[in-house]
Every structure is written in structure tokens, then in C-alpha cells.
């Protein structure tokens, strides 16, 4: 019996071992007289599942997407023009001279009278001003989110077609003073893309990025709306932060807010998952 008790006591580590396991930083910030505890370990982060392989299989060879970022395709079918008329008026003058004699108290005085006739010349010029479709340029954070959003979706096999270049290629053979730019853009879309993706956003102070996004995916071949959704583009809620020792005792860590990269990744992941589901139908 005595031997068993001694063996049991030998297996119990001294309290000093636990104290040595605490980080030095925690010990330094503890108030005197606090019990010795082991710092809580951070739970491992769970990586969000990325459906890139599944999306790549669903897209196959029909993987060309024309992206309208912060813009939408308008419903006009023809380009409107406006005529501006400029009138240039000039005057022409001709002088006529008449000689005569005026009688004054000093006697007769010679006098010359000049007369003039004026004419008006009118010249008309016509200028054509196209009311053509145009996409606004992304700036600042919006441009950064767009770039990273596209990079993520490329992992799923998406090939992005540049809107401006495709329109120029479609319109290089068009001649005439009044080209239908809307028709050229439609030709570019039909000839170079399988899908049209429109991503717009608006201010939303309740989200991590300060904006909420609206995403629409259209089939170019059929005009069908394949998916349409709104999202705050936020990452998954983080696990409760660990308790850390501070000068005021133990306090829970405050989770960091989402940055531009987090917003772009969250938006791309949700778009990819919804695309994969829409293309499955």
C-alpha cells in the first residue's frame, strides 16, 4: 500500500511545471497574487470550402464571361444622335462717297458724306454627337476588389473577356457617319462571351466592407437570368477570441474587421457556389 501511494505521488507533476508553461508575456502582465493558469490556445481556423474544381467542370468550354463592374447593360437597341447647328454671321460693307457744298456764315465749305451698305452671310455646320453606352471606371477600393474577385474566379476556370476590347474588335469593320454603337456592343457580347456578369454595389454601413453587392449572371445565348442575388460579402463569423492576460485581468480578443482582400474572396466564393448550383440545373 505504501509503495502504491508513493508511485501515485511521483506521477503528479509539481505546480511549478504548469507555471513554466505560461507565456512570459502573460506572466508579465498579470497582477500580483493571481493564480497560475495556462494560456488558452487559439482554436484552429476552419478554411472555407472553395468550389473551384466543381465550377471548372460545370463551365467546361463555355467559360467566357464579360464582366460589367458597377454598371449594367441598358435596354437601348440603337444609338441616339443629336444635331447641333452652328450659325456664323459675317457682314460685308461697301462705302460710297458723295461730295457737296455746305453754306455757313463763313461762306461755302466743301463736304464729303460716306454711306455704307451691309450684307449678311450665313454658314451652317452639323456635328454628330453619339449617345453611346459606356461603363464607368472602377477606382480605389472598388478597383482592388474587382481585380481580386476576378483572380479568385479564374481558379474556377472563368475566362474574363474585356468589354472595351471586344467592342472595338466588333466595330473595326463598321463604316459610316452614324454607327450604331449599341448594336456593335451587342455583337461583341454575342461573339466573344458565353455569359454576362453584372456586379453593382451600394453603400451599406451595416456590413464589414461598408458596401453590399448585387450580382446577376445572364446567358448570352438565350438571355436567361441564371442567378441573381444580394450579399454583404462578409467572411464566416470568427470563433470567439481567446482570453488574454492584460493589466485589467483576462479579456477576450477583439476580432479584426474584414479588409479588401477578405471582401473580394467572400464575394468570389459566394458567386462561385451559386454559379455552380445554377449551371447544375
C-alpha atoms as a PDB file:
ATOM      1  CA  UNK A   1       0.000   0.000   0.000  1.00  0.00           C
ATOM      2  CA  UNK A   2       2.815   2.406   0.862  1.00  0.00           C
ATOM      3  CA  UNK A   3       4.536   1.668  -2.415  1.00  0.00           C
ATOM      4  CA  UNK A   4       1.350   2.440  -4.428  1.00  0.00           C
ATOM      5  CA  UNK A   5       0.881   5.802  -2.724  1.00  0.00           C
ATOM      6  CA  UNK A   6       4.472   6.798  -3.372  1.00  0.00           C
ATOM      7  CA  UNK A   7       4.161   5.839  -7.053  1.00  0.00           C
ATOM      8  CA  UNK A   8       0.950   7.864  -7.377  1.00  0.00           C
ATOM      9  CA  UNK A   9       2.583  10.897  -5.857  1.00  0.00           C
ATOM     10  CA  UNK A  10       5.543  10.550  -8.164  1.00  0.00           C
ATOM     11  CA  UNK A  11       3.262  10.720 -11.228  1.00  0.00           C
ATOM     12  CA  UNK A  12       1.725  14.098 -10.202  1.00  0.00           C
ATOM     13  CA  UNK A  13       3.773  16.945 -11.732  1.00  0.00           C
ATOM     14  CA  UNK A  14       4.653  19.805  -9.435  1.00  0.00           C
ATOM     15  CA  UNK A  15       2.744  23.071  -9.754  1.00  0.00           C
ATOM     16  CA  UNK A  16       5.868  24.799 -10.977  1.00  0.00           C
ATOM     17  CA  UNK A  17       5.680  22.859 -14.268  1.00  0.00           C
ATOM     18  CA  UNK A  18       2.339  24.454 -15.131  1.00  0.00           C
ATOM     19  CA  UNK A  19       3.651  27.862 -14.221  1.00  0.00           C
ATOM     20  CA  UNK A  20       6.580  27.368 -16.590  1.00  0.00           C
ATOM     21  CA  UNK A  21       4.173  26.589 -19.455  1.00  0.00           C
ATOM     22  CA  UNK A  22       2.577  30.040 -19.266  1.00  0.00           C
ATOM     23  CA  UNK A  23       3.976  32.530 -21.796  1.00  0.00           C
ATOM     24  CA  UNK A  24       6.376  35.051 -20.323  1.00  0.00           C
ATOM     25  CA  UNK A  25       4.264  37.909 -21.754  1.00  0.00           C
ATOM     26  CA  UNK A  26       1.199  36.719 -19.837  1.00  0.00           C
ATOM     27  CA  UNK A  27       3.161  36.427 -16.614  1.00  0.00           C
ATOM     28  CA  UNK A  28       4.495  39.938 -17.010  1.00  0.00           C
ATOM     29  CA  UNK A  29       1.006  41.450 -17.457  1.00  0.00           C
ATOM     30  CA  UNK A  30      -0.594  39.560 -14.552  1.00  0.00           C
ATOM     31  CA  UNK A  31      -1.375  41.399 -11.326  1.00  0.00           C
ATOM     32  CA  UNK A  32       0.485  40.136  -8.255  1.00  0.00           C
ATOM     33  CA  UNK A  33      -1.257  37.406  -6.329  1.00  0.00           C
ATOM     34  CA  UNK A  34      -3.209  35.945  -9.286  1.00  0.00           C
ATOM     35  CA  UNK A  35      -3.414  32.117  -9.559  1.00  0.00           C
ATOM     36  CA  UNK A  36      -1.131  30.368 -12.009  1.00  0.00           C
ATOM     37  CA  UNK A  37      -3.041  29.356 -15.168  1.00  0.00           C
ATOM     38  CA  UNK A  38      -2.181  28.105 -18.632  1.00  0.00           C
ATOM     39  CA  UNK A  39      -2.983  30.470 -21.530  1.00  0.00           C
ATOM     40  CA  UNK A  40      -5.902  29.252 -23.640  1.00  0.00           C
ATOM     41  CA  UNK A  41      -4.837  28.061 -27.081  1.00  0.00           C
ATOM     42  CA  UNK A  42      -6.463  29.569 -30.200  1.00  0.00           C
ATOM     43  CA  UNK A  43      -8.853  27.241 -31.971  1.00  0.00           C
ATOM     44  CA  UNK A  44      -7.589  26.311 -35.451  1.00  0.00           C
ATOM     45  CA  UNK A  45      -9.219  28.378 -38.204  1.00  0.00           C
ATOM     46  CA  UNK A  46     -11.573  26.474 -40.467  1.00  0.00           C
ATOM     47  CA  UNK A  47     -10.856  27.252 -44.108  1.00  0.00           C
ATOM     48  CA  UNK A  48     -13.900  27.969 -46.265  1.00  0.00           C
ATOM     49  CA  UNK A  49     -14.505  25.333 -48.910  1.00  0.00           C
ATOM     50  CA  UNK A  50     -13.658  26.677 -52.360  1.00  0.00           C
ATOM     51  CA  UNK A  51     -15.717  25.063 -55.164  1.00  0.00           C
ATOM     52  CA  UNK A  52     -13.166  25.800 -57.886  1.00  0.00           C
ATOM     53  CA  UNK A  53     -12.845  22.229 -59.210  1.00  0.00           C
ATOM     54  CA  UNK A  54     -16.616  21.732 -59.352  1.00  0.00           C
ATOM     55  CA  UNK A  55     -17.165  25.073 -61.096  1.00  0.00           C
ATOM     56  CA  UNK A  56     -14.456  24.297 -63.640  1.00  0.00           C
ATOM     57  CA  UNK A  57     -16.188  21.022 -64.521  1.00  0.00           C
ATOM     58  CA  UNK A  58     -19.576  22.725 -64.862  1.00  0.00           C
ATOM     59  CA  UNK A  59     -18.287  25.507 -67.101  1.00  0.00           C
ATOM     60  CA  UNK A  60     -16.356  23.248 -69.454  1.00  0.00           C
ATOM     61  CA  UNK A  61     -15.523  25.092 -72.659  1.00  0.00           C
ATOM     62  CA  UNK A  62     -18.344  27.631 -72.209  1.00  0.00           C
ATOM     63  CA  UNK A  63     -16.351  29.617 -69.701  1.00  0.00           C
ATOM     64  CA  UNK A  64     -16.130  33.105 -71.261  1.00  0.00           C
ATOM     65  CA  UNK A  65     -17.592  35.815 -69.019  1.00  0.00           C
ATOM     66  CA  UNK A  66     -17.887  39.521 -69.837  1.00  0.00           C
ATOM     67  CA  UNK A  67     -17.900  41.432 -66.555  1.00  0.00           C
ATOM     68  CA  UNK A  68     -19.806  44.696 -66.116  1.00  0.00           C
ATOM     69  CA  UNK A  69     -18.423  46.058 -62.826  1.00  0.00           C
ATOM     70  CA  UNK A  70     -20.544  48.769 -61.240  1.00  0.00           C
ATOM     71  CA  UNK A  71     -22.548  49.036 -64.477  1.00  0.00           C
ATOM     72  CA  UNK A  72     -25.411  47.265 -66.223  1.00  0.00           C
ATOM     73  CA  UNK A  73     -26.454  46.631 -69.810  1.00  0.00           C
ATOM     74  CA  UNK A  74     -29.038  49.252 -70.774  1.00  0.00           C
ATOM     75  CA  UNK A  75     -32.158  48.429 -72.775  1.00  0.00           C
ATOM     76  CA  UNK A  76     -31.463  50.695 -75.776  1.00  0.00           C
ATOM     77  CA  UNK A  77     -31.212  48.916 -79.136  1.00  0.00           C
ATOM     78  CA  UNK A  78     -29.913  51.819 -81.180  1.00  0.00           C
ATOM     79  CA  UNK A  79     -27.581  54.718 -80.611  1.00  0.00           C
ATOM     80  CA  UNK A  80     -29.204  58.134 -80.460  1.00  0.00           C
ATOM     81  CA  UNK A  81     -27.675  61.139 -82.157  1.00  0.00           C
ATOM     82  CA  UNK A  82     -28.140  64.839 -81.684  1.00  0.00           C
ATOM     83  CA  UNK A  83     -27.754  67.512 -84.364  1.00  0.00           C
ATOM     84  CA  UNK A  84     -26.059  70.741 -83.378  1.00  0.00           C
ATOM     85  CA  UNK A  85     -26.394  73.730 -85.714  1.00  0.00           C
ATOM     86  CA  UNK A  86     -23.821  76.486 -85.659  1.00  0.00           C
ATOM     87  CA  UNK A  87     -24.566  79.757 -87.449  1.00  0.00           C
ATOM     88  CA  UNK A  88     -21.721  82.027 -88.449  1.00  0.00           C
ATOM     89  CA  UNK A  89     -22.764  85.543 -89.383  1.00  0.00           C
ATOM     90  CA  UNK A  90     -20.464  87.963 -91.096  1.00  0.00           C
ATOM     91  CA  UNK A  91     -21.113  91.386 -92.556  1.00  0.00           C
ATOM     92  CA  UNK A  92     -19.944  92.918 -95.759  1.00  0.00           C
ATOM     93  CA  UNK A  93     -19.728  96.688 -96.104  1.00  0.00           C
ATOM     94  CA  UNK A  94     -19.235  98.891 -99.113  1.00  0.00           C
ATOM     95  CA  UNK A  95     -18.517 102.584 -98.777  1.00  0.00           C
ATOM     96  CA  UNK A  96     -19.993 105.247-101.034  1.00  0.00           C
ATOM     97  CA  UNK A  97     -18.663 108.783-101.132  1.00  0.00           C
ATOM     98  CA  UNK A  98     -20.694 111.895-102.036  1.00  0.00           C
ATOM     99  CA  UNK A  99     -19.165 115.393-102.461  1.00  0.00           C
ATOM    100  CA  UNK A 100     -21.135 118.554-101.841  1.00  0.00           C
ATOM    101  CA  UNK A 101     -21.057 122.143-100.596  1.00  0.00           C
ATOM    102  CA  UNK A 102     -22.423 123.404 -97.297  1.00  0.00           C
ATOM    103  CA  UNK A 103     -23.124 127.096 -96.822  1.00  0.00           C
ATOM    104  CA  UNK A 104     -22.275 128.576 -93.439  1.00  0.00           C
ATOM    105  CA  UNK A 105     -21.836 132.071 -92.044  1.00  0.00           C
ATOM    106  CA  UNK A 106     -18.207 131.810 -93.035  1.00  0.00           C
ATOM    107  CA  UNK A 107     -19.083 131.032 -96.603  1.00  0.00           C
ATOM    108  CA  UNK A 108     -19.328 127.865 -98.695  1.00  0.00           C
ATOM    109  CA  UNK A 109     -17.488 124.790 -97.331  1.00  0.00           C
ATOM    110  CA  UNK A 110     -16.753 121.561 -99.155  1.00  0.00           C
ATOM    111  CA  UNK A 111     -18.214 118.393 -97.554  1.00  0.00           C
ATOM    112  CA  UNK A 112     -17.877 114.636 -98.126  1.00  0.00           C
ATOM    113  CA  UNK A 113     -20.571 112.129 -96.965  1.00  0.00           C
ATOM    114  CA  UNK A 114     -19.747 108.382 -96.675  1.00  0.00           C
ATOM    115  CA  UNK A 115     -22.539 105.839 -96.872  1.00  0.00           C
ATOM    116  CA  UNK A 116     -22.406 102.072 -96.350  1.00  0.00           C
ATOM    117  CA  UNK A 117     -24.493  99.017 -97.195  1.00  0.00           C
ATOM    118  CA  UNK A 118     -24.243  95.769 -95.160  1.00  0.00           C
ATOM    119  CA  UNK A 119     -24.960  92.211 -96.120  1.00  0.00           C
ATOM    120  CA  UNK A 120     -25.213  89.006 -94.034  1.00  0.00           C
ATOM    121  CA  UNK A 121     -23.599  85.681 -94.871  1.00  0.00           C
ATOM    122  CA  UNK A 122     -24.776  82.533 -93.030  1.00  0.00           C
ATOM    123  CA  UNK A 123     -22.756  79.309 -92.792  1.00  0.00           C
ATOM    124  CA  UNK A 124     -24.197  76.147 -91.240  1.00  0.00           C
ATOM    125  CA  UNK A 125     -22.170  73.266 -89.802  1.00  0.00           C
ATOM    126  CA  UNK A 126     -23.609  69.965 -88.461  1.00  0.00           C
ATOM    127  CA  UNK A 127     -21.946  67.974 -85.729  1.00  0.00           C
ATOM    128  CA  UNK A 128     -22.938  64.429 -84.732  1.00  0.00           C
ATOM    129  CA  UNK A 129     -22.746  63.589 -81.041  1.00  0.00           C
ATOM    130  CA  UNK A 130     -23.265  59.918 -80.164  1.00  0.00           C
ATOM    131  CA  UNK A 131     -25.171  58.945 -77.041  1.00  0.00           C
ATOM    132  CA  UNK A 132     -23.169  55.743 -76.824  1.00  0.00           C
ATOM    133  CA  UNK A 133     -23.113  53.204 -73.989  1.00  0.00           C
ATOM    134  CA  UNK A 134     -20.191  53.474 -71.619  1.00  0.00           C
ATOM    135  CA  UNK A 135     -19.038  51.711 -68.485  1.00  0.00           C
ATOM    136  CA  UNK A 136     -17.745  53.691 -65.514  1.00  0.00           C
ATOM    137  CA  UNK A 137     -14.166  53.043 -64.467  1.00  0.00           C
ATOM    138  CA  UNK A 138     -13.624  51.443 -61.087  1.00  0.00           C
ATOM    139  CA  UNK A 139     -11.437  53.408 -58.687  1.00  0.00           C
ATOM    140  CA  UNK A 140      -9.768  52.913 -55.340  1.00  0.00           C
ATOM    141  CA  UNK A 141     -11.063  50.049 -53.222  1.00  0.00           C
ATOM    142  CA  UNK A 142     -13.672  49.141 -55.841  1.00  0.00           C
ATOM    143  CA  UNK A 143     -10.931  48.536 -58.398  1.00  0.00           C
ATOM    144  CA  UNK A 144      -8.931  46.440 -55.931  1.00  0.00           C
ATOM    145  CA  UNK A 145     -11.982  44.320 -55.054  1.00  0.00           C
ATOM    146  CA  UNK A 146     -12.716  43.825 -58.764  1.00  0.00           C
ATOM    147  CA  UNK A 147      -9.164  42.677 -59.510  1.00  0.00           C
ATOM    148  CA  UNK A 148      -9.018  40.185 -56.635  1.00  0.00           C
ATOM    149  CA  UNK A 149     -12.577  38.994 -57.332  1.00  0.00           C
ATOM    150  CA  UNK A 150     -11.545  38.126 -60.896  1.00  0.00           C
ATOM    151  CA  UNK A 151      -8.356  36.403 -59.732  1.00  0.00           C
ATOM    152  CA  UNK A 152     -10.344  34.102 -57.425  1.00  0.00           C
ATOM    153  CA  UNK A 153     -12.905  33.153 -60.076  1.00  0.00           C
ATOM    154  CA  UNK A 154     -10.131  32.352 -62.562  1.00  0.00           C
ATOM    155  CA  UNK A 155      -9.265  29.468 -60.227  1.00  0.00           C
ATOM    156  CA  UNK A 156     -12.681  28.060 -61.143  1.00  0.00           C
ATOM    157  CA  UNK A 157     -11.912  28.191 -64.870  1.00  0.00           C
ATOM    158  CA  UNK A 158     -13.619  31.521 -65.616  1.00  0.00           C
ATOM    159  CA  UNK A 159     -12.126  33.396 -68.579  1.00  0.00           C
ATOM    160  CA  UNK A 160     -12.914  37.092 -68.392  1.00  0.00           C
ATOM    161  CA  UNK A 161     -13.469  38.938 -71.687  1.00  0.00           C
ATOM    162  CA  UNK A 162     -12.606  42.634 -71.729  1.00  0.00           C
ATOM    163  CA  UNK A 163     -15.665  44.686 -72.649  1.00  0.00           C
ATOM    164  CA  UNK A 164     -13.783  47.554 -74.309  1.00  0.00           C
ATOM    165  CA  UNK A 165     -11.513  45.393 -76.455  1.00  0.00           C
ATOM    166  CA  UNK A 166     -14.352  43.119 -77.582  1.00  0.00           C
ATOM    167  CA  UNK A 167     -16.409  46.174 -78.626  1.00  0.00           C
ATOM    168  CA  UNK A 168     -13.503  47.589 -80.629  1.00  0.00           C
ATOM    169  CA  UNK A 169     -12.920  44.261 -82.357  1.00  0.00           C
ATOM    170  CA  UNK A 170     -16.602  44.017 -83.274  1.00  0.00           C
ATOM    171  CA  UNK A 171     -16.709  47.572 -84.607  1.00  0.00           C
ATOM    172  CA  UNK A 172     -13.480  47.714 -86.597  1.00  0.00           C
ATOM    173  CA  UNK A 173     -15.252  46.988 -89.900  1.00  0.00           C
ATOM    174  CA  UNK A 174     -18.162  49.388 -89.318  1.00  0.00           C
ATOM    175  CA  UNK A 175     -18.260  52.422 -91.599  1.00  0.00           C
ATOM    176  CA  UNK A 176     -20.487  55.455 -91.862  1.00  0.00           C
ATOM    177  CA  UNK A 177     -21.051  58.694 -90.047  1.00  0.00           C
ATOM    178  CA  UNK A 178     -23.603  57.312 -87.624  1.00  0.00           C
ATOM    179  CA  UNK A 179     -22.531  53.859 -86.349  1.00  0.00           C
ATOM    180  CA  UNK A 180     -24.950  52.053 -84.044  1.00  0.00           C
ATOM    181  CA  UNK A 181     -22.682  51.611 -81.031  1.00  0.00           C
ATOM    182  CA  UNK A 182     -25.337  49.675 -79.092  1.00  0.00           C
ATOM    183  CA  UNK A 183     -25.527  47.139 -81.902  1.00  0.00           C
ATOM    184  CA  UNK A 184     -21.727  46.891 -82.006  1.00  0.00           C
ATOM    185  CA  UNK A 185     -21.607  46.219 -78.259  1.00  0.00           C
ATOM    186  CA  UNK A 186     -24.271  43.533 -78.613  1.00  0.00           C
ATOM    187  CA  UNK A 187     -22.304  41.953 -81.455  1.00  0.00           C
ATOM    188  CA  UNK A 188     -19.176  41.977 -79.277  1.00  0.00           C
ATOM    189  CA  UNK A 189     -21.054  40.313 -76.427  1.00  0.00           C
ATOM    190  CA  UNK A 190     -22.577  37.613 -78.632  1.00  0.00           C
ATOM    191  CA  UNK A 191     -19.327  36.942 -80.474  1.00  0.00           C
ATOM    192  CA  UNK A 192     -16.895  36.841 -77.575  1.00  0.00           C
ATOM    193  CA  UNK A 193     -18.744  35.784 -74.384  1.00  0.00           C
ATOM    194  CA  UNK A 194     -20.918  32.953 -73.122  1.00  0.00           C
ATOM    195  CA  UNK A 195     -22.168  34.792 -70.048  1.00  0.00           C
ATOM    196  CA  UNK A 196     -22.706  38.383 -68.959  1.00  0.00           C
ATOM    197  CA  UNK A 197     -21.991  39.059 -65.282  1.00  0.00           C
ATOM    198  CA  UNK A 198     -23.115  42.344 -63.730  1.00  0.00           C
ATOM    199  CA  UNK A 199     -21.796  43.318 -60.292  1.00  0.00           C
ATOM    200  CA  UNK A 200     -23.093  46.525 -58.705  1.00  0.00           C
ATOM    201  CA  UNK A 201     -22.741  47.810 -55.161  1.00  0.00           C
ATOM    202  CA  UNK A 202     -24.176  50.433 -52.859  1.00  0.00           C
ATOM    203  CA  UNK A 203     -23.168  51.927 -49.521  1.00  0.00           C
ATOM    204  CA  UNK A 204     -24.218  49.823 -46.527  1.00  0.00           C
ATOM    205  CA  UNK A 205     -22.746  50.850 -43.154  1.00  0.00           C
ATOM    206  CA  UNK A 206     -24.020  47.648 -41.574  1.00  0.00           C
ATOM    207  CA  UNK A 207     -21.534  45.435 -43.438  1.00  0.00           C
ATOM    208  CA  UNK A 208     -17.848  44.831 -42.760  1.00  0.00           C
ATOM    209  CA  UNK A 209     -16.749  46.455 -46.031  1.00  0.00           C
ATOM    210  CA  UNK A 210     -19.276  49.295 -45.842  1.00  0.00           C
ATOM    211  CA  UNK A 211     -20.955  48.090 -49.061  1.00  0.00           C
ATOM    212  CA  UNK A 212     -23.437  45.428 -50.179  1.00  0.00           C
ATOM    213  CA  UNK A 213     -23.259  43.792 -53.604  1.00  0.00           C
ATOM    214  CA  UNK A 214     -25.804  42.713 -56.218  1.00  0.00           C
ATOM    215  CA  UNK A 215     -24.702  40.020 -58.685  1.00  0.00           C
ATOM    216  CA  UNK A 216     -26.535  38.918 -61.847  1.00  0.00           C
ATOM    217  CA  UNK A 217     -25.455  36.215 -64.299  1.00  0.00           C
ATOM    218  CA  UNK A 218     -27.106  36.106 -67.748  1.00  0.00           C
ATOM    219  CA  UNK A 219     -26.815  33.567 -70.558  1.00  0.00           C
ATOM    220  CA  UNK A 220     -25.786  35.361 -73.748  1.00  0.00           C
ATOM    221  CA  UNK A 221     -27.183  32.628 -75.983  1.00  0.00           C
ATOM    222  CA  UNK A 222     -30.696  32.592 -74.502  1.00  0.00           C
ATOM    223  CA  UNK A 223     -30.922  35.816 -72.484  1.00  0.00           C
ATOM    224  CA  UNK A 224     -31.933  33.755 -69.444  1.00  0.00           C
ATOM    225  CA  UNK A 225     -31.205  35.082 -65.959  1.00  0.00           C
ATOM    226  CA  UNK A 226     -29.247  32.211 -64.421  1.00  0.00           C
ATOM    227  CA  UNK A 227     -28.757  33.733 -60.984  1.00  0.00           C
ATOM    228  CA  UNK A 228     -29.416  36.966 -59.150  1.00  0.00           C
ATOM    229  CA  UNK A 229     -28.581  37.648 -55.514  1.00  0.00           C
ATOM    230  CA  UNK A 230     -27.509  40.259 -52.993  1.00  0.00           C
ATOM    231  CA  UNK A 231     -24.757  39.725 -50.457  1.00  0.00           C
ATOM    232  CA  UNK A 232     -22.788  41.696 -47.853  1.00  0.00           C
ATOM    233  CA  UNK A 233     -19.686  39.729 -48.949  1.00  0.00           C
ATOM    234  CA  UNK A 234     -18.562  39.011 -45.409  1.00  0.00           C
ATOM    235  CA  UNK A 235     -16.352  36.187 -44.190  1.00  0.00           C
ATOM    236  CA  UNK A 236     -17.663  33.445 -41.926  1.00  0.00           C
ATOM    237  CA  UNK A 237     -18.124  34.579 -38.304  1.00  0.00           C
ATOM    238  CA  UNK A 238     -14.893  34.019 -36.434  1.00  0.00           C
ATOM    239  CA  UNK A 239     -14.733  31.735 -33.408  1.00  0.00           C
ATOM    240  CA  UNK A 240     -14.807  33.551 -30.058  1.00  0.00           C
ATOM    241  CA  UNK A 241     -11.427  35.095 -29.430  1.00  0.00           C
ATOM    242  CA  UNK A 242      -9.206  33.645 -26.755  1.00  0.00           C
ATOM    243  CA  UNK A 243      -8.779  35.251 -23.370  1.00  0.00           C
ATOM    244  CA  UNK A 244      -5.513  37.096 -22.974  1.00  0.00           C
ATOM    245  CA  UNK A 245      -3.940  38.446 -19.829  1.00  0.00           C
ATOM    246  CA  UNK A 246      -3.888  42.239 -19.653  1.00  0.00           C
ATOM    247  CA  UNK A 247      -3.254  44.849 -16.988  1.00  0.00           C
ATOM    248  CA  UNK A 248      -7.012  44.739 -16.259  1.00  0.00           C
ATOM    249  CA  UNK A 249      -7.145  40.977 -15.942  1.00  0.00           C
ATOM    250  CA  UNK A 250      -8.238  38.483 -18.590  1.00  0.00           C
ATOM    251  CA  UNK A 251     -10.010  39.985 -21.594  1.00  0.00           C
ATOM    252  CA  UNK A 252     -11.310  38.393 -24.792  1.00  0.00           C
ATOM    253  CA  UNK A 253      -9.543  39.347 -28.017  1.00  0.00           C
ATOM    254  CA  UNK A 254     -11.456  41.589 -30.421  1.00  0.00           C
ATOM    255  CA  UNK A 255     -11.799  40.029 -33.913  1.00  0.00           C
ATOM    256  CA  UNK A 256     -10.351  42.028 -36.791  1.00  0.00           C
ATOM    257  CA  UNK A 257     -12.676  43.624 -39.364  1.00  0.00           C
ATOM    258  CA  UNK A 258     -12.722  42.341 -42.918  1.00  0.00           C
ATOM    259  CA  UNK A 259     -10.338  44.040 -45.326  1.00  0.00           C
ATOM    260  CA  UNK A 260     -10.487  44.474 -49.110  1.00  0.00           C
ATOM    261  CA  UNK A 261      -8.952  41.039 -49.715  1.00  0.00           C
ATOM    262  CA  UNK A 262     -11.488  39.371 -47.378  1.00  0.00           C
ATOM    263  CA  UNK A 263     -14.403  41.111 -49.128  1.00  0.00           C
ATOM    264  CA  UNK A 264     -13.169  40.111 -52.593  1.00  0.00           C
ATOM    265  CA  UNK A 265     -12.662  36.481 -51.559  1.00  0.00           C
ATOM    266  CA  UNK A 266     -16.055  36.245 -49.817  1.00  0.00           C
ATOM    267  CA  UNK A 267     -17.798  37.746 -52.875  1.00  0.00           C
ATOM    268  CA  UNK A 268     -15.978  35.379 -55.248  1.00  0.00           C
ATOM    269  CA  UNK A 269     -16.698  32.297 -53.132  1.00  0.00           C
ATOM    270  CA  UNK A 270     -20.417  33.009 -52.892  1.00  0.00           C
ATOM    271  CA  UNK A 271     -20.607  33.815 -56.610  1.00  0.00           C
ATOM    272  CA  UNK A 272     -18.785  30.582 -57.490  1.00  0.00           C
ATOM    273  CA  UNK A 273     -21.046  28.450 -55.289  1.00  0.00           C
ATOM    274  CA  UNK A 274     -24.186  29.991 -56.764  1.00  0.00           C
ATOM    275  CA  UNK A 275     -22.842  29.680 -60.318  1.00  0.00           C
ATOM    276  CA  UNK A 276     -22.061  26.028 -59.706  1.00  0.00           C
ATOM    277  CA  UNK A 277     -25.601  25.455 -58.465  1.00  0.00           C
ATOM    278  CA  UNK A 278     -27.186  27.398 -61.358  1.00  0.00           C
ATOM    279  CA  UNK A 279     -25.194  25.559 -64.022  1.00  0.00           C
ATOM    280  CA  UNK A 280     -26.168  22.199 -62.473  1.00  0.00           C
ATOM    281  CA  UNK A 281     -29.803  22.763 -63.487  1.00  0.00           C
END
